[in-house]
Protein backbone atom coordinates (compact mmCIF):
# COMPACT_ATOMS: atom_id res chain seq x y z
CA MET A 1 106.51 54.66 94.54
CA ALA A 2 109.06 57.15 93.21
CA ARG A 3 111.17 56.01 90.32
CA ALA A 4 114.90 56.34 91.01
CA LEU A 5 117.44 57.92 88.73
CA PRO A 6 119.40 55.48 86.56
CA THR A 7 122.38 53.71 88.09
CA GLU A 8 125.82 55.14 87.38
CA PRO A 9 126.85 52.81 84.49
CA GLN A 10 123.71 53.82 82.59
CA TRP A 11 124.32 57.59 82.74
CA GLN A 12 126.49 58.00 79.64
CA GLU A 13 124.45 55.52 77.61
CA LEU A 14 121.25 57.38 78.45
CA ALA A 15 122.84 60.74 77.63
CA GLN A 16 123.88 59.45 74.22
CA ALA A 17 120.52 57.78 73.58
CA ALA A 18 118.76 61.04 74.49
CA ARG A 19 121.06 62.93 72.09
CA TYR A 20 121.93 65.16 75.05
CA ASN A 21 118.34 66.46 75.30
CA ALA A 22 116.68 66.67 78.75
CA VAL A 23 113.13 66.15 77.42
CA VAL A 24 114.17 62.95 75.66
CA LEU A 25 116.12 61.85 78.74
CA ALA A 26 112.98 62.26 80.86
CA LYS A 27 111.05 60.05 78.44
CA LEU A 28 113.77 57.40 78.52
CA CYS A 29 113.62 57.42 82.33
CA LYS A 30 109.80 57.23 82.17
CA LEU A 31 109.50 60.48 84.12
CA THR A 32 107.99 63.85 83.37
CA THR A 33 110.45 66.62 82.66
CA ARG A 34 109.59 68.24 86.00
CA GLN A 35 110.10 64.98 87.93
CA LEU A 36 113.49 64.53 86.29
CA GLN A 37 114.44 68.11 87.16
CA ARG A 38 113.54 67.62 90.83
CA ARG A 39 115.45 64.36 91.07
CA PHE A 40 118.54 65.79 89.39
CA ARG A 41 118.53 68.81 91.69
CA HIS A 42 118.23 66.53 94.71
CA ALA A 43 120.79 63.91 93.59
CA LEU A 44 123.34 66.03 91.70
CA GLY A 45 122.57 69.64 92.54
CA CYS A 46 122.13 70.65 88.91
CA SER A 47 119.53 70.54 86.18
CA PRO A 48 119.32 67.58 83.79
CA GLN A 49 120.34 69.83 80.89
CA ALA A 50 123.38 71.15 82.75
CA TRP A 51 124.46 67.57 83.44
CA LEU A 52 123.83 66.58 79.81
CA ASP A 53 125.84 69.56 78.57
CA GLY A 54 128.74 68.43 80.77
CA GLN A 55 128.50 64.89 79.44
CA ARG A 56 128.46 66.22 75.89
CA ILE A 57 131.62 68.27 76.48
CA LEU A 58 133.31 65.28 78.13
CA ALA A 59 132.47 63.17 75.07
CA ALA A 60 133.77 66.00 72.84
CA LYS A 61 137.12 65.99 74.64
CA GLN A 62 137.44 62.26 74.13
CA LEU A 63 136.55 62.52 70.42
CA LEU A 64 138.93 65.42 69.84
CA LEU A 65 141.82 63.60 71.51
CA SER A 66 141.10 60.48 69.49
CA GLY A 67 141.57 62.44 66.26
CA TYR A 68 138.12 63.74 65.32
CA SER A 69 137.99 67.16 63.72
CA VAL A 70 136.05 69.97 65.37
CA LYS A 71 133.37 69.70 62.69
CA GLY A 72 133.24 65.90 62.99
CA THR A 73 132.96 66.14 66.78
CA ALA A 74 130.13 68.66 66.54
CA SER A 75 128.28 66.43 64.10
CA GLU A 76 128.84 63.26 66.11
CA LEU A 77 127.46 64.89 69.25
CA HIS A 78 124.37 66.26 67.47
CA PHE A 79 125.19 69.96 67.58
CA LYS A 80 123.12 71.67 64.89
CA GLN A 81 125.93 74.12 64.15
CA THR A 82 129.68 73.74 64.52
CA SER A 83 129.76 77.32 65.80
CA HIS A 84 127.40 76.38 68.65
CA PHE A 85 129.72 73.53 69.63
CA CYS A 86 132.73 75.89 69.53
CA ARG A 87 131.00 78.45 71.78
CA GLN A 88 129.84 75.83 74.28
CA PHE A 89 133.27 74.16 74.37
CA LYS A 90 135.03 77.48 74.97
CA MET A 91 132.56 78.50 77.71
CA SER A 92 133.12 75.18 79.49
CA ASN A 93 136.90 75.03 79.16
CA ASP A 94 138.15 78.62 78.79
CA MET A 95 139.88 77.57 75.57
CA THR A 96 138.88 76.57 72.06
CA ALA A 97 138.67 72.95 71.00
CA LEU A 98 141.82 73.34 68.90
CA GLU A 99 143.70 74.91 71.83
CA PHE A 100 142.57 71.97 73.98
CA VAL A 101 143.93 69.45 71.47
CA ALA A 102 147.19 71.36 71.05
CA LEU A 103 147.68 71.64 74.81
CA HIS A 104 147.19 67.93 75.32
CA ARG A 105 149.51 67.05 72.47
CA VAL A 106 152.26 69.31 73.87
CA ASN A 107 151.85 67.96 77.39
CA GLY A 108 151.56 64.39 76.18
CA LYS A 109 148.26 63.92 77.97
CA GLY A 110 145.60 61.61 76.63
CA ARG A 111 142.09 60.43 77.30
CA SER A 112 143.00 59.19 80.76
CA GLN A 113 143.52 62.81 81.88
CA ILE A 114 139.84 63.69 81.33
CA THR A 115 137.70 63.42 84.44
CA ASP A 116 134.06 62.41 84.51
CA VAL A 117 131.77 65.40 85.10
CA ALA A 118 128.96 63.14 86.29
CA HIS A 119 130.47 63.16 89.77
CA ARG A 120 130.48 66.95 90.16
């Protein structure tokens, strides 16, 4: 019998436990990497790593808005290099992490304004 993907409340916990790594996520789900890829494509229309990258950026937004520095955020989310985090953040958001924080401070927006990318 095919093993189902985790239920919705477990998604973020599993992403964090896997340190945003698809191979580790597959092991946590007791699936092969290929099985996890097929199930993600079917259920979400994206690869496990694409979903994990989105979850990582979502977590980064929350950390940045709660006062973490860019370097602290990169470290907390297991980026090997702060520069890698900065590139990935900018590719995902069309702005740097510091621009994101400044924009949300000017507009008075907070964590509640960030949407969950798991539902994309």
